[in-house]
Amino acid sequence: MNIVLYGEEKLLLAQRLEDLKKKYQCTSDDMNYMVYHAGETPMKDIIEDALTQPFITEYKMVVLKNPIFLTKEKPKKKLVTDEDIKLFLDYIEHDNPATLFVIYHDQRNFDERKKVVKSLRKNAKWYEMEKLTFNQLYKATREAIVHRNASIEDNALALLLERCGNDLLTISNQVEKLCLYTHSIKKEDVERLVPPRVEEDVFKLTNALLNHDLRNTMRVYQDLISKKHDPLELIGLIANALRNLYQVSIMSKKGYRDNDIASALGLNPRAIYPIRKNAAHFDITELMEKLYALSELDYAIKTGTVDKFRGLELFLMRI
């Protein structure tokens, strides 16, 4: 049986894998559960394991993580050969029914044009772990806190979700920390224990950039670099912030309400008002020009023609 577990909600992915292990009685304590990383273990060894019958039990599980060869990514070093892909393809089309062969991927970037992905679509069960909506996160977070015999004030919960974003794993870790600290969580507890997300600083950086405030732009940038944030990571976050400004601006002009915009874009409803307020002051054409410039910069860095630090600095200084 072939199974594809994928999506950006890492905690839900891990939980679904645990559910499958329990359902088919595949535990880490015996020889019927193995985890491999594509490119680290030879594909022939992985397939050989999948073809081997389970020991004593009815089923065994083989988990393949980091399946870059199924995605749009192009690593500098080819980790999986064409022969490896042929072995993989042959197996999924003639799999061992006693083996749960799980493709485990914490992204959504499968390359649907590839023959191997098309075959997986036909010969595997696919389960996507989607990001929860803000309302689902709000409810789930409060329930998790109550489950730990604690309580949280509404403004504290709102700030917690604002600082954690819609990453369920991060929220879970922060909830555990807060509940160990106090059983009555207030806003000041969240301010003290939960660090602001990098997105908050990127929001400040984007505002300074679009306001043509070079001093503040470089101040926030240097602060982010001092916190060991990679320029490529920052390029992605800045581009995302610009896209949010653009999309919120367009949807606001079409008459959408903040809650509708938040739901459509997967954002915290509390974040929509400041984004919409800022978007009203910025030129749509300028937003698109900067997004295009960022995409060119990203390509230049990844192809090695521009140093990532120097490239991002020059982009920020052209205001």
Protein backbone atom coordinates (compact mmCIF):
# COMPACT_ATOMS: atom_id res chain seq x y z
CA MET A 1 0.00 0.00 0.00
CA ASN A 2 1.43 3.37 -1.03
CA ILE A 3 0.57 6.48 0.99
CA VAL A 4 1.56 10.12 0.45
CA LEU A 5 1.44 12.34 3.54
CA TYR A 6 2.17 15.96 2.69
CA GLY A 7 1.43 19.56 3.61
CA GLU A 8 2.87 22.42 5.61
CA GLU A 9 1.23 21.57 8.94
CA LYS A 10 4.08 19.57 10.47
CA LEU A 11 2.31 18.69 13.70
CA LEU A 12 -0.69 17.24 11.85
CA LEU A 13 1.67 15.31 9.57
CA ALA A 14 3.42 13.76 12.56
CA GLN A 15 0.08 12.95 14.19
CA ARG A 16 -1.27 11.28 11.04
CA LEU A 17 1.89 9.17 10.79
CA GLU A 18 1.47 8.09 14.42
CA ASP A 19 -2.18 7.22 13.72
CA LEU A 20 -1.11 5.00 10.82
CA LYS A 21 1.54 3.30 12.95
CA LYS A 22 -1.05 2.49 15.62
CA LYS A 23 -3.70 1.38 13.12
CA TYR A 24 -1.36 -1.08 11.40
CA GLN A 25 0.62 -1.95 14.54
CA CYS A 26 3.97 -0.81 13.17
CA THR A 27 6.17 0.36 16.04
CA SER A 28 9.68 1.71 16.30
CA ASP A 29 10.53 -1.08 18.74
CA ASP A 30 10.65 -3.86 16.15
CA MET A 31 11.93 -4.44 12.62
CA ASN A 32 8.64 -3.45 11.00
CA TYR A 33 9.14 0.32 11.00
CA MET A 34 11.95 2.05 9.14
CA VAL A 35 12.56 5.68 8.16
CA TYR A 36 14.77 6.67 5.22
CA HIS A 37 15.80 10.00 3.68
CA ALA A 38 15.94 10.18 -0.09
CA GLY A 39 19.51 10.70 -1.26
CA GLU A 40 21.07 9.42 1.97
CA THR A 41 20.24 5.72 1.64
CA PRO A 42 20.57 4.01 -1.76
CA MET A 43 17.14 3.67 -3.38
CA LYS A 44 17.76 -0.03 -4.08
CA ASP A 45 18.14 -0.64 -0.33
CA ILE A 46 14.92 1.25 0.43
CA ILE A 47 12.96 -0.69 -2.20
CA GLU A 48 14.50 -3.97 -1.05
CA ASP A 49 13.29 -3.24 2.48
CA ALA A 50 9.80 -2.39 1.18
CA LEU A 51 9.68 -5.70 -0.72
CA THR A 52 10.72 -7.72 2.34
CA GLN A 53 7.82 -9.32 4.19
CA PRO A 54 6.99 -8.10 7.72
CA PHE A 55 8.43 -9.93 10.71
CA ILE A 56 5.68 -11.79 12.63
CA THR A 57 3.10 -8.97 12.25
CA GLU A 58 0.68 -8.52 9.34
CA TYR A 59 2.12 -5.19 8.14
CA LYS A 60 5.35 -3.23 8.13
CA MET A 61 5.95 0.46 7.39
CA VAL A 62 8.69 2.09 5.34
CA VAL A 63 8.77 5.91 5.48
CA LEU A 64 10.60 7.93 2.83
CA LYS A 65 11.31 11.52 3.84
CA ASN A 66 12.79 14.45 1.91
CA PRO A 67 11.56 13.23 -1.52
CA ILE A 68 13.08 16.14 -3.45
CA PHE A 69 13.11 14.08 -6.66
CA LEU A 70 9.29 14.35 -6.68
CA THR A 71 9.28 18.14 -6.41
CA LYS A 72 10.08 21.25 -8.41
CA GLU A 73 13.31 21.79 -6.44
CA LYS A 74 16.60 21.51 -8.30
CA PRO A 75 19.42 20.69 -5.85
CA LYS A 76 22.96 21.60 -6.86
CA LYS A 77 24.00 17.97 -6.43
CA LYS A 78 21.80 15.26 -7.94
CA LEU A 79 21.03 12.97 -5.00
CA VAL A 80 18.68 10.58 -6.79
CA THR A 81 19.67 9.12 -10.17
CA ASP A 82 17.44 8.23 -13.10
CA GLU A 83 18.01 4.56 -12.24
CA ASP A 84 16.84 5.26 -8.68
CA ILE A 85 13.66 6.87 -10.00
CA LYS A 86 13.05 3.85 -12.25
CA LEU A 87 13.37 1.52 -9.24
CA PHE A 88 10.97 3.73 -7.28
CA LEU A 89 8.50 3.88 -10.16
CA ASP A 90 8.58 0.10 -10.65
CA TYR A 91 7.89 -0.44 -6.96
CA ILE A 92 4.92 1.92 -6.59
CA GLU A 93 3.31 0.32 -9.64
CA HIS A 94 3.87 -3.20 -8.24
CA ASP A 95 4.02 -2.60 -4.49
CA ASN A 96 4.16 -5.09 -1.64
CA PRO A 97 0.62 -5.18 -0.15
CA ALA A 98 2.07 -6.03 3.27
CA THR A 99 4.16 -2.84 3.32
CA LEU A 100 2.84 0.63 4.03
CA PHE A 101 5.20 2.68 1.88
CA VAL A 102 4.78 6.25 3.13
CA ILE A 103 6.07 9.26 1.19
CA TYR A 104 6.40 11.93 3.88
CA HIS A 105 6.83 15.52 2.68
CA ASP A 106 6.27 18.72 4.67
CA GLN A 107 5.70 20.88 1.60
CA ARG A 108 3.13 21.10 -1.21
CA ASN A 109 5.53 21.48 -4.13
CA PHE A 110 5.15 18.18 -5.99
CA ASP A 111 5.94 18.53 -9.69
CA GLU A 112 2.76 17.24 -11.33
CA ARG A 113 4.48 17.16 -14.74
CA LYS A 114 6.82 14.35 -13.71
CA LYS A 115 5.96 10.81 -14.76
CA VAL A 116 6.77 9.50 -11.29
CA VAL A 117 4.34 11.93 -9.63
CA LYS A 118 1.60 11.08 -12.11
CA SER A 119 2.11 7.42 -11.28
CA LEU A 120 1.94 8.17 -7.56
CA ARG A 121 -1.38 9.93 -8.12
CA LYS A 122 -2.73 6.70 -9.59
CA ASN A 123 -1.07 4.22 -7.24
CA ALA A 124 -1.14 5.87 -3.81
CA LYS A 125 -3.55 7.30 -1.28
CA TRP A 126 -2.87 11.01 -0.81
CA TYR A 127 -3.48 12.86 2.46
CA GLU A 128 -2.87 16.60 2.62
CA MET A 129 -2.41 18.21 6.04
CA GLU A 130 -3.79 21.68 5.35
CA LYS A 131 -3.18 24.77 7.42
CA LEU A 132 -6.01 25.44 9.85
CA THR A 133 -8.07 28.61 9.51
CA PHE A 134 -7.70 31.30 12.16
CA ASN A 135 -11.01 30.32 13.78
CA GLN A 136 -9.95 26.66 13.90
CA LEU A 137 -6.59 27.63 15.41
CA TYR A 138 -8.28 29.90 17.95
CA LYS A 139 -10.61 27.12 19.07
CA ALA A 140 -7.94 24.39 19.04
CA THR A 141 -5.47 26.53 21.02
CA ARG A 142 -7.99 27.38 23.73
CA GLU A 143 -9.01 23.71 23.95
CA ALA A 144 -5.35 22.67 24.29
CA ILE A 145 -4.89 25.14 27.15
CA VAL A 146 -8.08 23.99 28.93
CA HIS A 147 -6.93 20.38 28.45
CA ARG A 148 -3.84 21.31 30.49
CA ASN A 149 -6.08 22.63 33.30
CA ALA A 150 -5.22 26.24 32.49
CA SER A 151 -7.06 29.30 31.17
CA ILE A 152 -6.14 32.22 28.93
CA GLU A 153 -7.57 35.72 28.55
CA ASP A 154 -8.95 36.64 25.12
CA ASN A 155 -6.36 39.36 24.46
CA ALA A 156 -3.58 36.99 25.51
CA LEU A 157 -4.83 34.30 23.12
CA ALA A 158 -5.05 36.82 20.29
CA LEU A 159 -1.45 37.95 20.93
CA LEU A 160 -0.25 34.34 21.16
CA LEU A 161 -1.68 33.54 17.72
CA GLU A 162 -0.35 36.81 16.32
CA ARG A 163 3.17 35.90 17.45
CA CYS A 164 2.99 32.24 16.44
CA GLY A 165 1.20 32.68 13.12
CA ASN A 166 -0.69 29.67 11.81
CA ASP A 167 2.07 27.17 12.60
CA LEU A 168 0.39 24.55 14.78
CA LEU A 169 3.69 23.04 15.93
CA THR A 170 4.96 26.43 17.15
CA ILE A 171 1.63 27.11 18.88
CA SER A 172 1.75 23.72 20.59
CA ASN A 173 5.28 24.34 21.90
CA GLN A 174 4.40 27.82 23.17
CA VAL A 175 1.18 26.58 24.84
CA GLU A 176 3.18 23.94 26.70
CA LYS A 177 5.67 26.57 27.87
CA LEU A 178 2.96 29.01 28.99
CA CYS A 179 1.01 26.33 30.87
CA LEU A 180 4.16 25.28 32.73
CA TYR A 181 4.70 28.92 33.69
CA THR A 182 1.15 29.69 34.90
CA HIS A 183 -2.35 28.22 34.94
CA SER A 184 -3.92 31.63 34.35
CA ILE A 185 -2.34 33.08 31.21
CA LYS A 186 -2.51 36.86 30.77
CA LYS A 187 -1.33 39.10 27.95
CA GLU A 188 1.82 40.11 29.84
CA ASP A 189 2.76 36.41 30.18
CA VAL A 190 2.62 36.02 26.41
CA GLU A 191 4.62 39.23 25.93
CA ARG A 192 7.25 37.93 28.34
CA LEU A 193 7.57 34.34 27.12
CA VAL A 194 6.62 34.23 23.44
CA PRO A 195 9.10 36.01 21.14
CA PRO A 196 7.79 38.12 18.25
CA ARG A 197 7.87 36.40 14.87
CA VAL A 198 10.36 37.46 12.24
CA GLU A 199 7.32 38.43 10.13
CA GLU A 200 6.67 41.33 12.53
CA ASP A 201 10.13 42.76 11.80
CA VAL A 202 9.69 42.09 8.08
CA PHE A 203 6.39 44.00 8.24
CA LYS A 204 8.32 46.98 9.68
CA LEU A 205 11.02 46.56 7.04
CA THR A 206 8.46 46.49 4.22
CA ASN A 207 6.72 49.60 5.53
CA ALA A 208 9.99 51.49 5.78
CA LEU A 209 10.94 50.33 2.28
CA LEU A 210 7.66 51.49 0.71
CA ASN A 211 7.79 54.75 2.66
CA HIS A 212 11.26 55.35 1.15
CA ASP A 213 12.72 55.56 4.67
CA LEU A 214 16.29 54.39 4.07
CA ARG A 215 17.44 54.88 7.68
CA ASN A 216 14.73 52.64 9.16
CA THR A 217 14.93 50.16 6.28
CA MET A 218 18.63 49.51 6.90
CA ARG A 219 18.22 49.57 10.69
CA VAL A 220 15.61 46.80 10.64
CA TYR A 221 17.58 44.87 8.00
CA GLN A 222 20.79 44.94 10.05
CA ASP A 223 18.85 43.84 13.12
CA LEU A 224 17.44 40.85 11.22
CA ILE A 225 20.88 39.90 9.89
CA SER A 226 22.33 40.13 13.42
CA LYS A 227 19.69 37.58 14.46
CA LYS A 228 21.16 35.17 11.88
CA HIS A 229 18.32 35.38 9.36
CA ASP A 230 19.50 34.35 5.90
CA PRO A 231 19.03 36.91 3.08
CA LEU A 232 17.21 34.32 0.94
CA GLU A 233 14.78 33.72 3.80
CA LEU A 234 14.25 37.49 4.10
CA ILE A 235 13.68 37.84 0.35
CA GLY A 236 10.91 35.26 0.58
CA LEU A 237 9.34 36.98 3.60
CA ILE A 238 9.53 40.45 2.03
CA ALA A 239 7.95 39.11 -1.17
CA ASN A 240 5.20 37.49 0.89
CA ALA A 241 4.55 40.75 2.75
CA LEU A 242 4.34 42.65 -0.54
CA ARG A 243 1.96 40.05 -1.98
CA ASN A 244 -0.24 40.37 1.10
CA LEU A 245 -0.34 44.14 0.68
CA TYR A 246 -1.27 43.74 -2.97
CA GLN A 247 -3.94 41.10 -2.39
CA VAL A 248 -5.50 42.88 0.60
CA SER A 249 -5.58 46.13 -1.38
CA ILE A 250 -7.32 44.48 -4.35
CA MET A 251 -9.83 42.60 -2.20
CA SER A 252 -10.60 45.69 -0.10
CA LYS A 253 -11.37 47.68 -3.24
CA LYS A 254 -13.75 44.91 -4.30
CA GLY A 255 -15.65 45.29 -1.03
CA TYR A 256 -14.49 42.19 0.84
CA ARG A 257 -14.67 42.34 4.64
CA ASP A 258 -11.59 41.77 6.80
CA ASN A 259 -12.74 38.32 7.97
CA ASP A 260 -13.38 37.25 4.38
CA ILE A 261 -9.94 38.48 3.31
CA ALA A 262 -8.28 36.72 6.25
CA SER A 263 -10.04 33.46 5.41
CA ALA A 264 -9.14 33.67 1.71
CA LEU A 265 -5.47 34.47 2.35
CA GLY A 266 -5.01 32.29 5.44
CA LEU A 267 -4.07 35.25 7.63
CA ASN A 268 -4.87 36.21 11.20
CA PRO A 269 -7.94 38.52 11.03
CA ARG A 270 -6.18 40.87 13.46
CA ALA A 271 -3.44 41.36 10.87
CA ILE A 272 -5.77 42.47 8.09
CA TYR A 273 -6.58 45.95 9.40
CA PRO A 274 -2.95 47.19 9.64
CA ILE A 275 -2.17 45.62 6.25
CA ARG A 276 -5.23 47.22 4.66
CA LYS A 277 -4.43 50.56 6.30
CA ASN A 278 -0.88 50.46 4.94
CA ALA A 279 -1.95 49.23 1.51
CA ALA A 280 -4.10 52.33 1.05
CA HIS A 281 -0.94 54.49 1.12
CA PHE A 282 1.12 52.52 -1.36
CA ASP A 283 1.08 52.47 -5.14
CA ILE A 284 0.06 49.12 -6.65
CA THR A 285 2.47 49.60 -9.55
CA GLU A 286 5.37 50.07 -7.13
CA LEU A 287 4.39 46.90 -5.25
CA MET A 288 4.45 44.89 -8.48
CA GLU A 289 7.77 46.41 -9.56
CA LYS A 290 9.39 45.45 -6.26
CA LEU A 291 7.95 41.93 -6.43
CA TYR A 292 9.42 41.53 -9.91
CA ALA A 293 12.79 42.89 -8.75
CA LEU A 294 12.78 40.43 -5.83
CA SER A 295 12.10 37.48 -8.13
CA GLU A 296 15.03 38.53 -10.35
CA LEU A 297 17.26 38.93 -7.29
CA ASP A 298 16.24 35.50 -5.97
CA TYR A 299 17.14 33.92 -9.32
CA ALA A 300 20.47 35.78 -9.52
CA ILE A 301 21.46 34.63 -6.02
CA LYS A 302 20.46 31.01 -6.63
CA THR A 303 22.40 30.89 -9.90
CA GLY A 304 25.48 32.32 -8.17
CA THR A 305 25.74 35.57 -10.12
CA VAL A 306 25.05 37.81 -7.10
CA ASP A 307 26.18 37.58 -3.47
CA LYS A 308 23.05 37.21 -1.32
CA PHE A 309 24.05 39.79 1.31
CA ARG A 310 25.22 42.38 -1.20
CA GLY A 311 22.27 41.75 -3.50
CA LEU A 312 19.62 42.27 -0.81
CA GLU A 313 21.37 45.36 0.55
CA LEU A 314 21.43 46.96 -2.91
CA PHE A 315 17.75 46.12 -3.42
CA LEU A 316 16.82 47.79 -0.12
CA MET A 317 18.93 50.86 -0.84
CA ARG A 318 17.21 51.56 -4.18
CA ILE A 319 14.37 53.55 -2.62
